[in-house]
């Protein structure tokens, strides 16, 4: 059985926490920032945990993470 390949695009976007959860960055922070409030932009900086409904698929494309 050959080694499984890691999706490199996913590996750059997700990190695993100490408890094994997947951490991700929030979307909508790259451009068109003038119309967004300071509070909204500040909250977009914080990392988020990947939703449980997506974890099974994420573990499949990140087998060694």
C-alpha atoms as a PDB file:
ATOM      1  CA  UNK A   1       0.000   0.000   0.000  1.00  0.00           C
ATOM      2  CA  UNK A   2       1.590   3.329  -1.020  1.00  0.00           C
ATOM      3  CA  UNK A   3       1.739   6.308   1.262  1.00  0.00           C
ATOM      4  CA  UNK A   4      -1.259   8.627   1.317  1.00  0.00           C
ATOM      5  CA  UNK A   5      -0.711  12.128  -0.013  1.00  0.00           C
ATOM      6  CA  UNK A   6      -1.506  15.212   2.045  1.00  0.00           C
ATOM      7  CA  UNK A   7      -3.443  17.969   0.322  1.00  0.00           C
ATOM      8  CA  UNK A   8      -0.834  20.730   0.428  1.00  0.00           C
ATOM      9  CA  UNK A   9      -3.412  23.503   0.017  1.00  0.00           C
ATOM     10  CA  UNK A  10      -5.285  22.237   3.079  1.00  0.00           C
ATOM     11  CA  UNK A  11      -2.077  21.722   5.069  1.00  0.00           C
ATOM     12  CA  UNK A  12      -1.269  25.424   4.684  1.00  0.00           C
ATOM     13  CA  UNK A  13      -4.738  26.500   5.837  1.00  0.00           C
ATOM     14  CA  UNK A  14      -5.335  24.252   8.859  1.00  0.00           C
ATOM     15  CA  UNK A  15      -3.466  23.570  12.090  1.00  0.00           C
ATOM     16  CA  UNK A  16      -4.195  20.943  14.722  1.00  0.00           C
ATOM     17  CA  UNK A  17      -4.711  22.056  18.322  1.00  0.00           C
ATOM     18  CA  UNK A  18      -3.380  20.144  21.316  1.00  0.00           C
ATOM     19  CA  UNK A  19      -6.709  18.358  21.734  1.00  0.00           C
ATOM     20  CA  UNK A  20      -6.808  17.301  18.068  1.00  0.00           C
ATOM     21  CA  UNK A  21      -9.294  19.858  16.755  1.00  0.00           C
ATOM     22  CA  UNK A  22      -8.672  21.658  13.470  1.00  0.00           C
ATOM     23  CA  UNK A  23      -8.033  25.395  13.670  1.00  0.00           C
ATOM     24  CA  UNK A  24      -8.652  27.665  10.677  1.00  0.00           C
ATOM     25  CA  UNK A  25      -8.579  31.334   9.735  1.00  0.00           C
ATOM     26  CA  UNK A  26     -11.831  33.180   9.092  1.00  0.00           C
ATOM     27  CA  UNK A  27     -12.864  34.306   5.620  1.00  0.00           C
ATOM     28  CA  UNK A  28     -13.819  37.831   4.377  1.00  0.00           C
ATOM     29  CA  UNK A  29     -10.687  39.571   5.689  1.00  0.00           C
ATOM     30  CA  UNK A  30      -8.717  40.031   2.452  1.00  0.00           C
ATOM     31  CA  UNK A  31     -10.279  43.004   0.635  1.00  0.00           C
ATOM     32  CA  UNK A  32     -13.206  45.473   0.609  1.00  0.00           C
ATOM     33  CA  UNK A  33     -12.402  46.331   4.220  1.00  0.00           C
ATOM     34  CA  UNK A  34     -13.558  49.963   4.191  1.00  0.00           C
ATOM     35  CA  UNK A  35     -17.252  49.137   4.537  1.00  0.00           C
ATOM     36  CA  UNK A  36     -16.649  46.650   7.379  1.00  0.00           C
ATOM     37  CA  UNK A  37     -16.703  47.948  10.935  1.00  0.00           C
ATOM     38  CA  UNK A  38     -13.614  47.858  13.140  1.00  0.00           C
ATOM     39  CA  UNK A  39     -15.345  45.371  15.443  1.00  0.00           C
ATOM     40  CA  UNK A  40     -16.114  43.033  12.552  1.00  0.00           C
ATOM     41  CA  UNK A  41     -12.541  43.183  11.215  1.00  0.00           C
ATOM     42  CA  UNK A  42     -11.136  42.630  14.703  1.00  0.00           C
ATOM     43  CA  UNK A  43     -13.266  39.502  15.156  1.00  0.00           C
ATOM     44  CA  UNK A  44     -12.205  38.180  11.738  1.00  0.00           C
ATOM     45  CA  UNK A  45      -8.585  38.148  12.931  1.00  0.00           C
ATOM     46  CA  UNK A  46      -9.293  35.449  15.488  1.00  0.00           C
ATOM     47  CA  UNK A  47      -8.906  31.794  14.600  1.00  0.00           C
ATOM     48  CA  UNK A  48     -11.933  29.503  14.500  1.00  0.00           C
ATOM     49  CA  UNK A  49     -12.411  25.788  15.044  1.00  0.00           C
ATOM     50  CA  UNK A  50     -13.495  23.772  12.000  1.00  0.00           C
ATOM     51  CA  UNK A  51     -17.118  22.669  12.245  1.00  0.00           C
ATOM     52  CA  UNK A  52     -17.756  19.053  13.257  1.00  0.00           C
ATOM     53  CA  UNK A  53     -19.627  18.343  10.013  1.00  0.00           C
ATOM     54  CA  UNK A  54     -16.428  18.969   8.003  1.00  0.00           C
ATOM     55  CA  UNK A  55     -13.887  17.256  10.247  1.00  0.00           C
ATOM     56  CA  UNK A  56     -14.288  13.782   8.704  1.00  0.00           C
ATOM     57  CA  UNK A  57     -13.481  15.098   5.211  1.00  0.00           C
ATOM     58  CA  UNK A  58     -10.614  17.238   6.512  1.00  0.00           C
ATOM     59  CA  UNK A  59      -8.970  14.277   8.278  1.00  0.00           C
ATOM     60  CA  UNK A  60      -9.165  12.363   4.989  1.00  0.00           C
ATOM     61  CA  UNK A  61      -7.207  14.994   3.035  1.00  0.00           C
ATOM     62  CA  UNK A  62      -4.829  15.611   5.970  1.00  0.00           C
ATOM     63  CA  UNK A  63      -3.876  12.047   6.922  1.00  0.00           C
ATOM     64  CA  UNK A  64      -0.658  12.899   8.798  1.00  0.00           C
ATOM     65  CA  UNK A  65      -1.723  16.080  10.541  1.00  0.00           C
END
